[in-house]
mmCIF file of all heavy atoms, coordinates in Angstrom:
data_MODEL
# 
_entry.id   MODEL 
# 
loop_
_atom_site.group_PDB 
_atom_site.id 
_atom_site.type_symbol 
_atom_site.label_atom_id 
_atom_site.label_alt_id 
_atom_site.label_comp_id 
_atom_site.label_asym_id 
_atom_site.label_entity_id 
_atom_site.label_seq_id 
_atom_site.pdbx_PDB_ins_code 
_atom_site.Cartn_x 
_atom_site.Cartn_y 
_atom_site.Cartn_z 
_atom_site.occupancy 
_atom_site.B_iso_or_equiv 
_atom_site.pdbx_formal_charge 
_atom_site.auth_seq_id 
_atom_site.auth_comp_id 
_atom_site.auth_asym_id 
_atom_site.auth_atom_id 
_atom_site.pdbx_PDB_model_num 
ATOM 1   N N   . PRO A 1 1  ? 59.280 96.910  82.795 1.00 0.00 ? 1  PRO A N   1 
ATOM 2   C CA  . PRO A 1 1  ? 60.073 98.080  83.169 1.00 0.00 ? 1  PRO A CA  1 
ATOM 3   C C   . PRO A 1 1  ? 61.544 97.693  83.306 1.00 0.00 ? 1  PRO A C   1 
ATOM 4   O O   . PRO A 1 1  ? 61.849 96.620  83.857 1.00 0.00 ? 1  PRO A O   1 
ATOM 5   C CB  . PRO A 1 1  ? 59.487 98.491  84.529 1.00 0.00 ? 1  PRO A CB  1 
ATOM 6   C CG  . PRO A 1 1  ? 58.142 97.852  84.584 1.00 0.00 ? 1  PRO A CG  1 
ATOM 7   C CD  . PRO A 1 1  ? 58.279 96.579  83.833 1.00 0.00 ? 1  PRO A CD  1 
ATOM 8   N N   . PRO A 1 2  ? 62.461 98.510  82.834 1.00 0.00 ? 2  PRO A N   1 
ATOM 9   C CA  . PRO A 1 2  ? 63.889 98.180  82.916 1.00 0.00 ? 2  PRO A CA  1 
ATOM 10  C C   . PRO A 1 2  ? 64.382 97.892  84.332 1.00 0.00 ? 2  PRO A C   1 
ATOM 11  O O   . PRO A 1 2  ? 65.158 96.947  84.532 1.00 0.00 ? 2  PRO A O   1 
ATOM 12  C CB  . PRO A 1 2  ? 64.566 99.427  82.334 1.00 0.00 ? 2  PRO A CB  1 
ATOM 13  C CG  . PRO A 1 2  ? 63.552 99.983  81.385 1.00 0.00 ? 2  PRO A CG  1 
ATOM 14  C CD  . PRO A 1 2  ? 62.229 99.736  82.058 1.00 0.00 ? 2  PRO A CD  1 
ATOM 15  N N   . GLY A 1 3  ? 63.942 98.683  85.308 1.00 0.00 ? 3  GLY A N   1 
ATOM 16  C CA  . GLY A 1 3  ? 64.405 98.468  86.678 1.00 0.00 ? 3  GLY A CA  1 
ATOM 17  C C   . GLY A 1 3  ? 63.990 97.123  87.223 1.00 0.00 ? 3  GLY A C   1 
ATOM 18  O O   . GLY A 1 3  ? 64.773 96.424  87.879 1.00 0.00 ? 3  GLY A O   1 
ATOM 19  N N   . LEU A 1 4  ? 62.754 96.748  86.970 1.00 0.00 ? 4  LEU A N   1 
ATOM 20  C CA  . LEU A 1 4  ? 62.247 95.463  87.439 1.00 0.00 ? 4  LEU A CA  1 
ATOM 21  C C   . LEU A 1 4  ? 62.950 94.324  86.712 1.00 0.00 ? 4  LEU A C   1 
ATOM 22  O O   . LEU A 1 4  ? 63.324 93.306  87.318 1.00 0.00 ? 4  LEU A O   1 
ATOM 23  C CB  . LEU A 1 4  ? 60.743 95.391  87.214 1.00 0.00 ? 4  LEU A CB  1 
ATOM 24  C CG  . LEU A 1 4  ? 60.010 94.156  87.748 1.00 0.00 ? 4  LEU A CG  1 
ATOM 25  C CD1 . LEU A 1 4  ? 60.196 94.024  89.253 1.00 0.00 ? 4  LEU A CD1 1 
ATOM 26  C CD2 . LEU A 1 4  ? 58.531 94.236  87.392 1.00 0.00 ? 4  LEU A CD2 1 
ATOM 27  N N   . ALA A 1 5  ? 63.137 94.474  85.405 1.00 0.00 ? 5  ALA A N   1 
ATOM 28  C CA  . ALA A 1 5  ? 63.806 93.437  84.619 1.00 0.00 ? 5  ALA A CA  1 
ATOM 29  C C   . ALA A 1 5  ? 65.221 93.205  85.112 1.00 0.00 ? 5  ALA A C   1 
ATOM 30  O O   . ALA A 1 5  ? 65.672 92.054  85.231 1.00 0.00 ? 5  ALA A O   1 
ATOM 31  C CB  . ALA A 1 5  ? 63.814 93.828  83.147 1.00 0.00 ? 5  ALA A CB  1 
ATOM 32  N N   . TYR A 1 6  ? 65.929 94.286  85.420 1.00 0.00 ? 6  TYR A N   1 
ATOM 33  C CA  . TYR A 1 6  ? 67.311 94.141  85.895 1.00 0.00 ? 6  TYR A CA  1 
ATOM 34  C C   . TYR A 1 6  ? 67.346 93.499  87.275 1.00 0.00 ? 6  TYR A C   1 
ATOM 35  O O   . TYR A 1 6  ? 68.151 92.580  87.515 1.00 0.00 ? 6  TYR A O   1 
ATOM 36  C CB  . TYR A 1 6  ? 68.008 95.505  85.926 1.00 0.00 ? 6  TYR A CB  1 
ATOM 37  C CG  . TYR A 1 6  ? 69.464 95.407  86.324 1.00 0.00 ? 6  TYR A CG  1 
ATOM 38  C CD1 . TYR A 1 6  ? 70.419 94.993  85.402 1.00 0.00 ? 6  TYR A CD1 1 
ATOM 39  C CD2 . TYR A 1 6  ? 69.867 95.711  87.616 1.00 0.00 ? 6  TYR A CD2 1 
ATOM 40  C CE1 . TYR A 1 6  ? 71.764 94.876  85.756 1.00 0.00 ? 6  TYR A CE1 1 
ATOM 41  C CE2 . TYR A 1 6  ? 71.212 95.598  87.989 1.00 0.00 ? 6  TYR A CE2 1 
ATOM 42  C CZ  . TYR A 1 6  ? 72.143 95.183  87.058 1.00 0.00 ? 6  TYR A CZ  1 
ATOM 43  O OH  . TYR A 1 6  ? 73.473 95.058  87.424 1.00 0.00 ? 6  TYR A OH  1 
ATOM 44  N N   . ALA A 1 7  ? 66.493 93.947  88.163 1.00 0.00 ? 7  ALA A N   1 
ATOM 45  C CA  . ALA A 1 7  ? 66.494 93.418  89.536 1.00 0.00 ? 7  ALA A CA  1 
ATOM 46  C C   . ALA A 1 7  ? 66.170 91.932  89.570 1.00 0.00 ? 7  ALA A C   1 
ATOM 47  O O   . ALA A 1 7  ? 66.714 91.185  90.393 1.00 0.00 ? 7  ALA A O   1 
ATOM 48  C CB  . ALA A 1 7  ? 65.498 94.187  90.393 1.00 0.00 ? 7  ALA A CB  1 
ATOM 49  N N   . MET A 1 8  ? 65.279 91.487  88.681 1.00 0.00 ? 8  MET A N   1 
ATOM 50  C CA  . MET A 1 8  ? 64.874 90.081  88.646 1.00 0.00 ? 8  MET A CA  1 
ATOM 51  C C   . MET A 1 8  ? 65.737 89.251  87.688 1.00 0.00 ? 8  MET A C   1 
ATOM 52  O O   . MET A 1 8  ? 65.441 88.092  87.425 1.00 0.00 ? 8  MET A O   1 
ATOM 53  C CB  . MET A 1 8  ? 63.401 89.979  88.231 1.00 0.00 ? 8  MET A CB  1 
ATOM 54  C CG  . MET A 1 8  ? 62.440 90.732  89.142 1.00 0.00 ? 8  MET A CG  1 
ATOM 55  S SD  . MET A 1 8  ? 62.492 90.200  90.864 1.00 0.00 ? 8  MET A SD  1 
ATOM 56  C CE  . MET A 1 8  ? 61.702 88.590  90.747 1.00 0.00 ? 8  MET A CE  1 
ATOM 57  N N   . LYS A 1 9  ? 66.819 89.887  87.153 1.00 0.00 ? 9  LYS A N   1 
ATOM 58  C CA  . LYS A 1 9  ? 67.782 89.217  86.274 1.00 0.00 ? 9  LYS A CA  1 
ATOM 59  C C   . LYS A 1 9  ? 67.169 88.706  84.971 1.00 0.00 ? 9  LYS A C   1 
ATOM 60  O O   . LYS A 1 9  ? 67.691 87.799  84.331 1.00 0.00 ? 9  LYS A O   1 
ATOM 61  C CB  . LYS A 1 9  ? 68.491 88.067  87.013 1.00 0.00 ? 9  LYS A CB  1 
ATOM 62  C CG  . LYS A 1 9  ? 69.193 88.503  88.292 1.00 0.00 ? 9  LYS A CG  1 
ATOM 63  C CD  . LYS A 1 9  ? 69.972 87.360  88.913 1.00 0.00 ? 9  LYS A CD  1 
ATOM 64  C CE  . LYS A 1 9  ? 70.567 87.739  90.255 1.00 0.00 ? 9  LYS A CE  1 
ATOM 65  N NZ  . LYS A 1 9  ? 71.487 88.887  90.178 1.00 0.00 ? 9  LYS A NZ  1 
ATOM 66  N N   . LEU A 1 10 ? 66.055 89.304  84.567 1.00 0.00 ? 10 LEU A N   1 
ATOM 67  C CA  . LEU A 1 10 ? 65.392 88.877  83.335 1.00 0.00 ? 10 LEU A CA  1 
ATOM 68  C C   . LEU A 1 10 ? 66.192 89.268  82.100 1.00 0.00 ? 10 LEU A C   1 
ATOM 69  O O   . LEU A 1 10 ? 66.023 88.677  81.031 1.00 0.00 ? 10 LEU A O   1 
ATOM 70  C CB  . LEU A 1 10 ? 63.994 89.490  83.269 1.00 0.00 ? 10 LEU A CB  1 
ATOM 71  C CG  . LEU A 1 10 ? 63.038 89.110  84.407 1.00 0.00 ? 10 LEU A CG  1 
ATOM 72  C CD1 . LEU A 1 10 ? 61.742 89.906  84.296 1.00 0.00 ? 10 LEU A CD1 1 
ATOM 73  C CD2 . LEU A 1 10 ? 62.750 87.611  84.400 1.00 0.00 ? 10 LEU A CD2 1 
ATOM 74  N N   . HIS A 1 11 ? 67.070 90.253  82.248 1.00 0.00 ? 11 HIS A N   1 
ATOM 75  C CA  . HIS A 1 11 ? 67.876 90.705  81.119 1.00 0.00 ? 11 HIS A CA  1 
ATOM 76  C C   . HIS A 1 11 ? 68.939 89.698  80.716 1.00 0.00 ? 11 HIS A C   1 
ATOM 77  O O   . HIS A 1 11 ? 69.527 89.814  79.633 1.00 0.00 ? 11 HIS A O   1 
ATOM 78  C CB  . HIS A 1 11 ? 68.567 92.019  81.484 1.00 0.00 ? 11 HIS A CB  1 
ATOM 79  C CG  . HIS A 1 11 ? 69.611 91.855  82.556 1.00 0.00 ? 11 HIS A CG  1 
ATOM 80  N ND1 . HIS A 1 11 ? 69.276 91.644  83.879 1.00 0.00 ? 11 HIS A ND1 1 
ATOM 81  C CD2 . HIS A 1 11 ? 70.965 91.841  82.499 1.00 0.00 ? 11 HIS A CD2 1 
ATOM 82  C CE1 . HIS A 1 11 ? 70.390 91.516  84.585 1.00 0.00 ? 11 HIS A CE1 1 
ATOM 83  N NE2 . HIS A 1 11 ? 71.419 91.636  83.780 1.00 0.00 ? 11 HIS A NE2 1 
ATOM 84  N N   . GLU A 1 12 ? 69.185 88.710  81.547 1.00 0.00 ? 12 GLU A N   1 
ATOM 85  C CA  . GLU A 1 12 ? 70.271 87.771  81.295 1.00 0.00 ? 12 GLU A CA  1 
ATOM 86  C C   . GLU A 1 12 ? 70.086 86.986  79.994 1.00 0.00 ? 12 GLU A C   1 
ATOM 87  O O   . GLU A 1 12 ? 71.049 86.460  79.440 1.00 0.00 ? 12 GLU A O   1 
ATOM 88  C CB  . GLU A 1 12 ? 70.417 86.812  82.472 1.00 0.00 ? 12 GLU A CB  1 
ATOM 89  C CG  . GLU A 1 12 ? 70.921 87.489  83.739 1.00 0.00 ? 12 GLU A CG  1 
ATOM 90  C CD  . GLU A 1 12 ? 71.065 86.553  84.914 1.00 0.00 ? 12 GLU A CD  1 
ATOM 91  O OE1 . GLU A 1 12 ? 70.546 85.406  84.831 1.00 0.00 ? 12 GLU A OE1 1 
ATOM 92  O OE2 . GLU A 1 12 ? 71.674 86.953  85.918 1.00 0.00 ? 12 GLU A OE2 1 
ATOM 93  N N   . HIS A 1 13 ? 68.858 86.913  79.518 1.00 0.00 ? 13 HIS A N   1 
ATOM 94  C CA  . HIS A 1 13 ? 68.590 86.177  78.282 1.00 0.00 ? 13 HIS A CA  1 
ATOM 95  C C   . HIS A 1 13 ? 67.993 87.100  77.209 1.00 0.00 ? 13 HIS A C   1 
ATOM 96  O O   . HIS A 1 13 ? 67.245 86.653  76.347 1.00 0.00 ? 13 HIS A O   1 
ATOM 97  C CB  . HIS A 1 13 ? 67.653 85.006  78.576 1.00 0.00 ? 13 HIS A CB  1 
ATOM 98  C CG  . HIS A 1 13 ? 68.188 84.090  79.635 1.00 0.00 ? 13 HIS A CG  1 
ATOM 99  N ND1 . HIS A 1 13 ? 69.229 83.222  79.414 1.00 0.00 ? 13 HIS A ND1 1 
ATOM 100 C CD2 . HIS A 1 13 ? 67.854 83.950  80.947 1.00 0.00 ? 13 HIS A CD2 1 
ATOM 101 C CE1 . HIS A 1 13 ? 69.505 82.565  80.529 1.00 0.00 ? 13 HIS A CE1 1 
ATOM 102 N NE2 . HIS A 1 13 ? 68.688 82.991  81.469 1.00 0.00 ? 13 HIS A NE2 1 
ATOM 103 N N   . GLN A 1 14 ? 68.359 88.381  77.288 1.00 0.00 ? 14 GLN A N   1 
ATOM 104 C CA  . GLN A 1 14 ? 67.903 89.364  76.316 1.00 0.00 ? 14 GLN A CA  1 
ATOM 105 C C   . GLN A 1 14 ? 69.105 90.156  75.798 1.00 0.00 ? 14 GLN A C   1 
ATOM 106 O O   . GLN A 1 14 ? 70.160 90.207  76.443 1.00 0.00 ? 14 GLN A O   1 
ATOM 107 C CB  . GLN A 1 14 ? 66.892 90.321  76.960 1.00 0.00 ? 14 GLN A CB  1 
ATOM 108 C CG  . GLN A 1 14 ? 65.670 89.623  77.574 1.00 0.00 ? 14 GLN A CG  1 
ATOM 109 C CD  . GLN A 1 14 ? 64.679 89.138  76.541 1.00 0.00 ? 14 GLN A CD  1 
ATOM 110 O OE1 . GLN A 1 14 ? 63.730 89.806  76.182 1.00 0.00 ? 14 GLN A OE1 1 
ATOM 111 N NE2 . GLN A 1 14 ? 64.910 87.926  76.031 1.00 0.00 ? 14 GLN A NE2 1 
ATOM 112 N N   . LYS A 1 15 ? 68.941 90.787  74.635 1.00 0.00 ? 15 LYS A N   1 
ATOM 113 C CA  . LYS A 1 15 ? 70.034 91.556  74.040 1.00 0.00 ? 15 LYS A CA  1 
ATOM 114 C C   . LYS A 1 15 ? 69.646 92.998  73.721 1.00 0.00 ? 15 LYS A C   1 
ATOM 115 O O   . LYS A 1 15 ? 70.514 93.868  73.621 1.00 0.00 ? 15 LYS A O   1 
ATOM 116 C CB  . LYS A 1 15 ? 70.519 90.878  72.748 1.00 0.00 ? 15 LYS A CB  1 
ATOM 117 C CG  . LYS A 1 15 ? 71.121 89.497  72.959 1.00 0.00 ? 15 LYS A CG  1 
ATOM 118 C CD  . LYS A 1 15 ? 71.539 88.881  71.625 1.00 0.00 ? 15 LYS A CD  1 
ATOM 119 C CE  . LYS A 1 15 ? 72.113 87.485  71.812 1.00 0.00 ? 15 LYS A CE  1 
ATOM 120 N NZ  . LYS A 1 15 ? 72.486 86.856  70.509 1.00 0.00 ? 15 LYS A NZ  1 
ATOM 121 N N   . HIS A 1 16 ? 68.346 93.246  73.538 1.00 0.00 ? 16 HIS A N   1 
ATOM 122 C CA  . HIS A 1 16 ? 67.900 94.562  73.072 1.00 0.00 ? 16 HIS A CA  1 
ATOM 123 C C   . HIS A 1 16 ? 66.774 95.101  73.954 1.00 0.00 ? 16 HIS A C   1 
ATOM 124 O O   . HIS A 1 16 ? 65.926 94.350  74.433 1.00 0.00 ? 16 HIS A O   1 
ATOM 125 C CB  . HIS A 1 16 ? 67.405 94.468  71.626 1.00 0.00 ? 16 HIS A CB  1 
ATOM 126 C CG  . HIS A 1 16 ? 68.416 93.902  70.683 1.00 0.00 ? 16 HIS A CG  1 
ATOM 127 N ND1 . HIS A 1 16 ? 69.413 94.650  70.103 1.00 0.00 ? 16 HIS A ND1 1 
ATOM 128 C CD2 . HIS A 1 16 ? 68.581 92.629  70.210 1.00 0.00 ? 16 HIS A CD2 1 
ATOM 129 C CE1 . HIS A 1 16 ? 70.151 93.878  69.317 1.00 0.00 ? 16 HIS A CE1 1 
ATOM 130 N NE2 . HIS A 1 16 ? 69.661 92.643  69.366 1.00 0.00 ? 16 HIS A NE2 1 
ATOM 131 N N   . LEU A 1 17 ? 66.776 96.406  74.134 1.00 0.00 ? 17 LEU A N   1 
ATOM 132 C CA  . LEU A 1 17 ? 65.715 97.106  74.864 1.00 0.00 ? 17 LEU A CA  1 
ATOM 133 C C   . LEU A 1 17 ? 65.297 98.324  74.054 1.00 0.00 ? 17 LEU A C   1 
ATOM 134 O O   . LEU A 1 17 ? 66.133 99.146  73.661 1.00 0.00 ? 17 LEU A O   1 
ATOM 135 C CB  . LEU A 1 17 ? 66.215 97.547  76.244 1.00 0.00 ? 17 LEU A CB  1 
ATOM 136 C CG  . LEU A 1 17 ? 65.351 98.559  77.013 1.00 0.00 ? 17 LEU A CG  1 
ATOM 137 C CD1 . LEU A 1 17 ? 63.950 98.019  77.268 1.00 0.00 ? 17 LEU A CD1 1 
ATOM 138 C CD2 . LEU A 1 17 ? 66.023 98.948  78.332 1.00 0.00 ? 17 LEU A CD2 1 
ATOM 139 N N   . THR A 1 18 ? 63.995 98.432  73.782 1.00 0.00 ? 18 THR A N   1 
ATOM 140 C CA  . THR A 1 18 ? 63.440 99.576  73.063 1.00 0.00 ? 18 THR A CA  1 
ATOM 141 C C   . THR A 1 18 ? 62.576 100.373 74.030 1.00 0.00 ? 18 THR A C   1 
ATOM 142 O O   . THR A 1 18 ? 61.540 99.891  74.505 1.00 0.00 ? 18 THR A O   1 
ATOM 143 C CB  . THR A 1 18 ? 62.575 99.117  71.874 1.00 0.00 ? 18 THR A CB  1 
ATOM 144 O OG1 . THR A 1 18 ? 63.378 98.307  71.015 1.00 0.00 ? 18 THR A OG1 1 
ATOM 145 C CG2 . THR A 1 18 ? 62.037 100.318 71.102 1.00 0.00 ? 18 THR A CG2 1 
ATOM 146 N N   . LEU A 1 19 ? 62.974 101.583 74.334 1.00 0.00 ? 19 LEU A N   1 
ATOM 147 C CA  . LEU A 1 19 ? 62.295 102.396 75.344 1.00 0.00 ? 19 LEU A CA  1 
ATOM 148 C C   . LEU A 1 19 ? 61.076 103.106 74.747 1.00 0.00 ? 19 LEU A C   1 
ATOM 149 O O   . LEU A 1 19 ? 61.026 104.334 74.652 1.00 0.00 ? 19 LEU A O   1 
ATOM 150 C CB  . LEU A 1 19 ? 63.267 103.411 75.950 1.00 0.00 ? 19 LEU A CB  1 
ATOM 151 C CG  . LEU A 1 19 ? 64.401 102.822 76.798 1.00 0.00 ? 19 LEU A CG  1 
ATOM 152 C CD1 . LEU A 1 19 ? 65.393 103.903 77.197 1.00 0.00 ? 19 LEU A CD1 1 
ATOM 153 C CD2 . LEU A 1 19 ? 63.831 102.140 78.039 1.00 0.00 ? 19 LEU A CD2 1 
ATOM 154 N N   . ASP A 1 20 ? 60.071 102.324 74.389 1.00 0.00 ? 20 ASP A N   1 
ATOM 155 C CA  . ASP A 1 20 ? 58.843 102.928 73.873 1.00 0.00 ? 20 ASP A CA  1 
ATOM 156 C C   . ASP A 1 20 ? 57.892 103.335 74.993 1.00 0.00 ? 20 ASP A C   1 
ATOM 157 O O   . ASP A 1 20 ? 56.927 104.046 74.764 1.00 0.00 ? 20 ASP A O   1 
ATOM 158 C CB  . ASP A 1 20 ? 58.130 101.966 72.919 1.00 0.00 ? 20 ASP A CB  1 
ATOM 159 C CG  . ASP A 1 20 ? 57.538 100.775 73.645 1.00 0.00 ? 20 ASP A CG  1 
ATOM 160 O OD1 . ASP A 1 20 ? 58.279 100.110 74.409 1.00 0.00 ? 20 ASP A OD1 1 
ATOM 161 O OD2 . ASP A 1 20 ? 56.338 100.489 73.465 1.00 0.00 ? 20 ASP A OD2 1 
ATOM 162 N N   . ARG A 1 21 ? 58.143 102.864 76.229 1.00 0.00 ? 21 ARG A N   1 
ATOM 163 C CA  . ARG A 1 21 ? 57.397 103.281 77.426 1.00 0.00 ? 21 ARG A CA  1 
ATOM 164 C C   . ARG A 1 21 ? 55.886 103.199 77.195 1.00 0.00 ? 21 ARG A C   1 
ATOM 165 O O   . ARG A 1 21 ? 55.143 104.141 77.393 1.00 0.00 ? 21 ARG A O   1 
ATOM 166 C CB  . ARG A 1 21 ? 57.821 104.705 77.810 1.00 0.00 ? 21 ARG A CB  1 
ATOM 167 C CG  . ARG A 1 21 ? 59.255 104.786 78.288 1.00 0.00 ? 21 ARG A CG  1 
ATOM 168 C CD  . ARG A 1 21 ? 59.792 106.208 78.284 1.00 0.00 ? 21 ARG A CD  1 
ATOM 169 N NE  . ARG A 1 21 ? 59.030 107.100 79.131 1.00 0.00 ? 21 ARG A NE  1 
ATOM 170 C CZ  . ARG A 1 21 ? 59.282 107.308 80.425 1.00 0.00 ? 21 ARG A CZ  1 
ATOM 171 N NH1 . ARG A 1 21 ? 60.265 106.665 81.020 1.00 0.00 ? 21 ARG A NH1 1 
ATOM 172 N NH2 . ARG A 1 21 ? 58.554 108.146 81.117 1.00 0.00 ? 21 ARG A NH2 1 
ATOM 173 N N   . HIS A 1 22 ? 55.427 102.021 76.792 1.00 0.00 ? 22 HIS A N   1 
ATOM 174 C CA  . HIS A 1 22 ? 54.034 101.898 76.381 1.00 0.00 ? 22 HIS A CA  1 
ATOM 175 C C   . HIS A 1 22 ? 53.033 101.820 77.526 1.00 0.00 ? 22 HIS A C   1 
ATOM 176 O O   . HIS A 1 22 ? 51.871 102.182 77.350 1.00 0.00 ? 22 HIS A O   1 
ATOM 177 C CB  . HIS A 1 22 ? 53.851 100.685 75.451 1.00 0.00 ? 22 HIS A CB  1 
ATOM 178 C CG  . HIS A 1 22 ? 54.419 99.410  75.973 1.00 0.00 ? 22 HIS A CG  1 
ATOM 179 N ND1 . HIS A 1 22 ? 55.661 98.943  75.587 1.00 0.00 ? 22 HIS A ND1 1 
ATOM 180 C CD2 . HIS A 1 22 ? 53.923 98.480  76.826 1.00 0.00 ? 22 HIS A CD2 1 
ATOM 181 C CE1 . HIS A 1 22 ? 55.905 97.782  76.178 1.00 0.00 ? 22 HIS A CE1 1 
ATOM 182 N NE2 . HIS A 1 22 ? 54.862 97.483  76.937 1.00 0.00 ? 22 HIS A NE2 1 
ATOM 183 N N   . LEU A 1 23 ? 53.450 101.336 78.680 1.00 0.00 ? 23 LEU A N   1 
ATOM 184 C CA  . LEU A 1 23 ? 52.511 101.217 79.802 1.00 0.00 ? 23 LEU A CA  1 
ATOM 185 C C   . LEU A 1 23 ? 53.173 101.634 81.109 1.00 0.00 ? 23 LEU A C   1 
ATOM 186 O O   . LEU A 1 23 ? 54.310 101.252 81.396 1.00 0.00 ? 23 LEU A O   1 
ATOM 187 C CB  . LEU A 1 23 ? 52.009 99.774  79.937 1.00 0.00 ? 23 LEU A CB  1 
ATOM 188 C CG  . LEU A 1 23 ? 50.910 99.311  78.990 1.00 0.00 ? 23 LEU A CG  1 
ATOM 189 C CD1 . LEU A 1 23 ? 50.754 97.798  79.065 1.00 0.00 ? 23 LEU A CD1 1 
ATOM 190 C CD2 . LEU A 1 23 ? 49.588 100.000 79.331 1.00 0.00 ? 23 LEU A CD2 1 
ATOM 191 N N   . PHE A 1 24 ? 52.444 102.374 81.909 1.00 0.00 ? 24 PHE A N   1 
ATOM 192 C CA  . PHE A 1 24 ? 52.881 102.761 83.249 1.00 0.00 ? 24 PHE A CA  1 
ATOM 193 C C   . PHE A 1 24 ? 52.508 101.600 84.169 1.00 0.00 ? 24 PHE A C   1 
ATOM 194 O O   . PHE A 1 24 ? 51.336 101.337 84.403 1.00 0.00 ? 24 PHE A O   1 
ATOM 195 C CB  . PHE A 1 24 ? 52.164 104.048 83.668 1.00 0.00 ? 24 PHE A CB  1 
ATOM 196 C CG  . PHE A 1 24 ? 52.720 104.697 84.902 1.00 0.00 ? 24 PHE A CG  1 
ATOM 197 C CD1 . PHE A 1 24 ? 53.999 105.241 84.899 1.00 0.00 ? 24 PHE A CD1 1 
ATOM 198 C CD2 . PHE A 1 24 ? 51.959 104.800 86.056 1.00 0.00 ? 24 PHE A CD2 1 
ATOM 199 C CE1 . PHE A 1 24 ? 54.511 105.870 86.034 1.00 0.00 ? 24 PHE A CE1 1 
ATOM 200 C CE2 . PHE A 1 24 ? 52.455 105.425 87.187 1.00 0.00 ? 24 PHE A CE2 1 
ATOM 201 C CZ  . PHE A 1 24 ? 53.735 105.961 87.174 1.00 0.00 ? 24 PHE A CZ  1 
ATOM 202 N N   . SER A 1 25 ? 53.516 100.887 84.654 1.00 0.00 ? 25 SER A N   1 
ATOM 203 C CA  . SER A 1 25 ? 53.270 99.646  85.400 1.00 0.00 ? 25 SER A CA  1 
ATOM 204 C C   . SER A 1 25 ? 52.854 99.944  86.835 1.00 0.00 ? 25 SER A C   1 
ATOM 205 O O   . SER A 1 25 ? 53.681 100.227 87.701 1.00 0.00 ? 25 SER A O   1 
ATOM 206 C CB  . SER A 1 25 ? 54.527 98.765  85.383 1.00 0.00 ? 25 SER A CB  1 
ATOM 207 O OG  . SER A 1 25 ? 54.266 97.509  85.960 1.00 0.00 ? 25 SER A OG  1 
ATOM 208 N N   . ILE A 1 26 ? 51.558 99.872  87.076 1.00 0.00 ? 26 ILE A N   1 
ATOM 209 C CA  . ILE A 1 26 ? 50.990 100.242 88.375 1.00 0.00 ? 26 ILE A CA  1 
ATOM 210 C C   . ILE A 1 26 ? 51.014 99.061  89.340 1.00 0.00 ? 26 ILE A C   1 
ATOM 211 O O   . ILE A 1 26 ? 50.681 97.940  88.978 1.00 0.00 ? 26 ILE A O   1 
ATOM 212 C CB  . ILE A 1 26 ? 49.542 100.724 88.185 1.00 0.00 ? 26 ILE A CB  1 
ATOM 213 C CG1 . ILE A 1 26 ? 49.500 101.958 87.286 1.00 0.00 ? 26 ILE A CG1 1 
ATOM 214 C CG2 . ILE A 1 26 ? 48.879 101.012 89.533 1.00 0.00 ? 26 ILE A CG2 1 
ATOM 215 C CD1 . ILE A 1 26 ? 48.115 102.284 86.776 1.00 0.00 ? 26 ILE A CD1 1 
ATOM 216 N N   . HIS A 1 27 ? 51.412 99.327  90.565 1.00 0.00 ? 27 HIS A N   1 
ATOM 217 C CA  . HIS A 1 27 ? 51.330 98.347  91.645 1.00 0.00 ? 27 HIS A CA  1 
ATOM 218 C C   . HIS A 1 27 ? 50.536 98.980  92.783 1.00 0.00 ? 27 HIS A C   1 
ATOM 219 O O   . HIS A 1 27 ? 50.788 100.122 93.170 1.00 0.00 ? 27 HIS A O   1 
ATOM 220 C CB  . HIS A 1 27 ? 52.714 97.949  92.150 1.00 0.00 ? 27 HIS A CB  1 
ATOM 221 C CG  . HIS A 1 27 ? 53.454 97.046  91.209 1.00 0.00 ? 27 HIS A CG  1 
ATOM 222 N ND1 . HIS A 1 27 ? 54.175 95.967  91.636 1.00 0.00 ? 27 HIS A ND1 1 
ATOM 223 C CD2 . HIS A 1 27 ? 53.573 97.041  89.855 1.00 0.00 ? 27 HIS A CD2 1 
ATOM 224 C CE1 . HIS A 1 27 ? 54.718 95.331  90.603 1.00 0.00 ? 27 HIS A CE1 1 
ATOM 225 N NE2 . HIS A 1 27 ? 54.363 95.987  89.509 1.00 0.00 ? 27 HIS A NE2 1 
ATOM 226 N N   . ALA A 1 28 ? 49.575 98.235  93.321 1.00 0.00 ? 28 ALA A N   1 
ATOM 227 C CA  . ALA A 1 28 ? 48.720 98.761  94.388 1.00 0.00 ? 28 ALA A CA  1 
ATOM 228 C C   . ALA A 1 28 ? 48.879 97.929  95.646 1.00 0.00 ? 28 ALA A C   1 
ATOM 229 O O   . ALA A 1 28 ? 48.880 96.692  95.593 1.00 0.00 ? 28 ALA A O   1 
ATOM 230 C CB  . ALA A 1 28 ? 47.257 98.755  93.946 1.00 0.00 ? 28 ALA A CB  1 
ATOM 231 N N   . ALA A 1 29 ? 49.037 98.604  96.771 1.00 0.00 ? 29 ALA A N   1 
ATOM 232 C CA  . ALA A 1 29 ? 49.077 97.944  98.079 1.00 0.00 ? 29 ALA A CA  1 
ATOM 233 C C   . ALA A 1 29 ? 47.660 97.920  98.636 1.00 0.00 ? 29 ALA A C   1 
ATOM 234 O O   . ALA A 1 29 ? 47.007 98.961  98.758 1.00 0.00 ? 29 ALA A O   1 
ATOM 235 C CB  . ALA A 1 29 ? 50.003 98.695  99.031 1.00 0.00 ? 29 ALA A CB  1 
# 
């Protein structure tokens, strides 16, 4: 997910993002 990638600084070594939205990233408490 873009928000998670940005917050964890994973984008620092990436150049392109394709918003195909293939999976709804579920987190359960």
